[in-house]
Protein backbone atom coordinates (compact mmCIF):
# COMPACT_ATOMS: atom_id res chain seq x y z
CA MET A 1 0.52 -20.33 -16.13
CA PRO A 2 -0.63 -18.76 -12.84
CA VAL A 3 1.91 -17.05 -10.64
CA PRO A 4 2.28 -18.74 -7.24
CA ARG A 5 0.84 -16.57 -4.47
CA SER A 6 4.13 -16.67 -2.59
CA LEU A 7 6.17 -15.35 -5.54
CA PRO A 8 5.51 -11.60 -5.02
CA ARG A 9 6.45 -11.87 -1.34
CA ALA A 10 9.53 -13.93 -2.21
CA CYS A 11 10.61 -11.31 -4.76
CA ALA A 12 10.05 -8.50 -2.28
CA ALA A 13 11.96 -10.37 0.42
CA LEU A 14 14.85 -11.02 -1.97
CA LEU A 15 14.96 -7.36 -2.99
CA LEU A 16 14.92 -6.24 0.64
CA THR A 17 17.68 -8.70 1.53
CA LEU A 18 19.85 -7.48 -1.36
CA CYS A 19 19.31 -3.85 -0.36
CA ALA A 20 20.09 -4.58 3.28
CA SER A 21 23.25 -6.48 2.40
CA ALA A 22 24.35 -3.55 0.24
CA GLY A 23 23.82 -1.22 3.19
CA LEU A 24 20.76 0.42 1.67
CA GLY A 25 17.58 1.21 3.56
CA VAL A 26 16.41 -0.08 6.90
CA SER A 27 16.53 -3.53 8.38
CA SER A 28 14.49 -6.06 6.53
CA ALA A 29 15.24 -8.80 9.02
CA PRO A 30 12.28 -11.00 9.94
CA GLY A 31 10.26 -9.24 12.60
CA SER A 32 11.46 -5.75 11.65
CA PRO A 33 8.65 -3.16 11.71
CA TYR A 34 9.11 -2.44 8.00
CA LEU A 35 8.96 -6.07 6.92
CA THR A 36 6.00 -6.72 9.23
CA GLU A 37 4.06 -3.85 7.61
CA VAL A 38 4.97 -4.88 4.06
CA ASN A 39 4.08 -8.52 4.65
CA ALA A 40 0.73 -7.52 6.16
CA ALA A 41 0.06 -5.26 3.16
CA MET A 42 0.91 -8.09 0.75
CA ASP A 43 -1.29 -10.55 2.63
CA ARG A 44 -4.27 -8.15 2.62
CA MET A 45 -3.75 -7.37 -1.06
CA MET A 46 -3.46 -10.98 -2.21
CA LYS A 47 -6.48 -12.09 -0.17
CA ALA A 48 -8.65 -9.19 -1.39
CA MET A 49 -7.68 -9.78 -5.03
CA MET A 50 -9.05 -13.34 -4.95
CA VAL A 51 -12.66 -12.66 -5.88
CA ALA A 52 -15.25 -14.80 -7.59
CA PRO A 53 -16.07 -13.52 -11.08
CA SER A 54 -19.35 -11.62 -11.23
CA GLY A 55 -19.77 -11.89 -14.99
CA ASP A 56 -19.10 -8.15 -15.41
CA VAL A 57 -15.54 -7.81 -16.70
CA ASP A 58 -15.31 -4.12 -15.81
CA ALA A 59 -16.59 -4.57 -12.26
CA ASP A 60 -14.33 -7.60 -11.75
CA PHE A 61 -11.33 -5.63 -13.03
CA VAL A 62 -12.00 -2.79 -10.59
CA THR A 63 -12.73 -5.19 -7.72
CA MET A 64 -9.34 -6.85 -8.21
CA MET A 65 -7.39 -3.68 -8.97
CA LEU A 66 -8.55 -1.73 -5.91
CA PRO A 67 -6.70 -3.97 -3.42
CA HIS A 68 -3.71 -4.05 -5.78
CA HIS A 69 -3.54 -0.23 -5.72
CA GLN A 70 -4.20 -0.12 -1.98
CA GLY A 71 -1.34 -2.58 -1.50
CA ALA A 72 0.97 -0.19 -3.34
CA ILE A 73 -0.22 2.63 -1.07
CA ASP A 74 0.35 0.53 2.05
CA MET A 75 3.86 -0.42 0.94
CA ALA A 76 4.66 3.22 0.10
CA VAL A 77 3.47 4.25 3.56
CA ALA A 78 5.84 1.69 5.08
CA GLU A 79 8.69 3.23 3.08
CA LEU A 80 7.75 6.69 4.34
CA ARG A 81 7.66 5.47 7.95
CA HIS A 82 10.85 3.45 7.91
CA GLY A 83 12.96 4.37 4.88
CA ARG A 84 15.93 6.70 4.92
CA ASN A 85 16.50 7.38 1.22
CA GLU A 86 14.94 10.75 0.44
CA GLN A 87 14.60 9.99 -3.27
CA LEU A 88 12.68 6.78 -2.51
CA LYS A 89 10.52 8.60 0.02
CA ARG A 90 9.55 11.15 -2.65
CA ILE A 91 8.72 8.30 -5.02
CA ALA A 92 6.63 6.68 -2.28
CA GLN A 93 4.70 9.94 -1.85
CA GLU A 94 4.04 10.03 -5.59
CA ILE A 95 2.88 6.42 -5.52
CA ILE A 96 0.36 7.25 -2.80
CA VAL A 97 -1.08 10.19 -4.75
CA ASP A 98 -1.11 8.36 -8.09
CA GLN A 99 -2.71 5.21 -6.69
CA GLN A 100 -5.37 7.18 -4.81
CA GLN A 101 -6.23 9.02 -8.02
CA GLU A 102 -6.46 5.77 -9.97
CA ILE A 103 -8.68 4.22 -7.29
CA ALA A 104 -11.03 7.20 -7.52
CA ALA A 105 -11.04 7.10 -11.34
CA MET A 106 -11.86 3.39 -11.41
CA GLN A 107 -14.66 3.81 -8.87
CA LEU A 108 -16.19 6.62 -10.90
CA ALA A 109 -15.78 4.73 -14.19
CA ILE A 110 -18.12 1.97 -13.04
CA GLY A 111 -20.53 4.24 -11.19
CA ARG A 112 -19.41 3.49 -7.64
CA PRO A 113 -19.25 6.32 -5.12
CA LEU A 114 -15.89 7.67 -4.10
CA PRO A 115 -14.51 6.49 -0.78
CA PRO A 116 -14.62 9.07 2.01
CA SER A 117 -11.63 11.38 2.35
CA ARG A 118 -9.10 10.33 4.97
CA PRO A 119 -5.95 11.91 6.36
CA VAL A 120 -2.68 10.80 4.84
CA PRO A 121 -1.70 7.65 6.79
CA THR A 122 1.75 8.97 7.70
CA GLN A 123 0.51 12.27 9.09
CA PRO A 124 -0.02 12.51 12.85
CA GLN A 125 -3.66 12.67 13.79
CA PRO A 126 -4.66 16.04 15.27
CA ALA A 127 -4.96 15.80 19.00
CA SER A 128 -8.06 17.21 20.52
CA THR A 129 -7.13 20.17 22.64
CA PRO A 130 -9.13 20.88 25.74
CA CYS A 131 -10.68 24.29 26.02
CA THR A 132 -8.70 26.30 28.57
CA GLU A 133 -10.67 29.53 28.32
CA HIS A 134 -13.36 30.21 30.93
């Protein structure tokens, strides 16, 4: 029996509501920055996982798993940006590293090139500094 597309979001929303009512974490009220980011991550993930089968089980597996892993990264980034619980923030950091490693391993396993390196999404981008020496 297929899982309804709305079920993961409903489960996440229920979990966030329970945590908020228990005084844990940040606001998960509709429109909160955290919930907006998580919902966007879930929407991107679910849409990207819906692919037409290519006939190559391995390629199809990777094609569907990449957005799943990226969704975990995006949700972990939202926790790092908005969460307050230091233990959960450490877990979120581990999720980012683990999921990036698994994405790279899956790409390599089917002969796809690795994605380009990028800065960690929660790190401030280096500002260009104007040259002041003459």
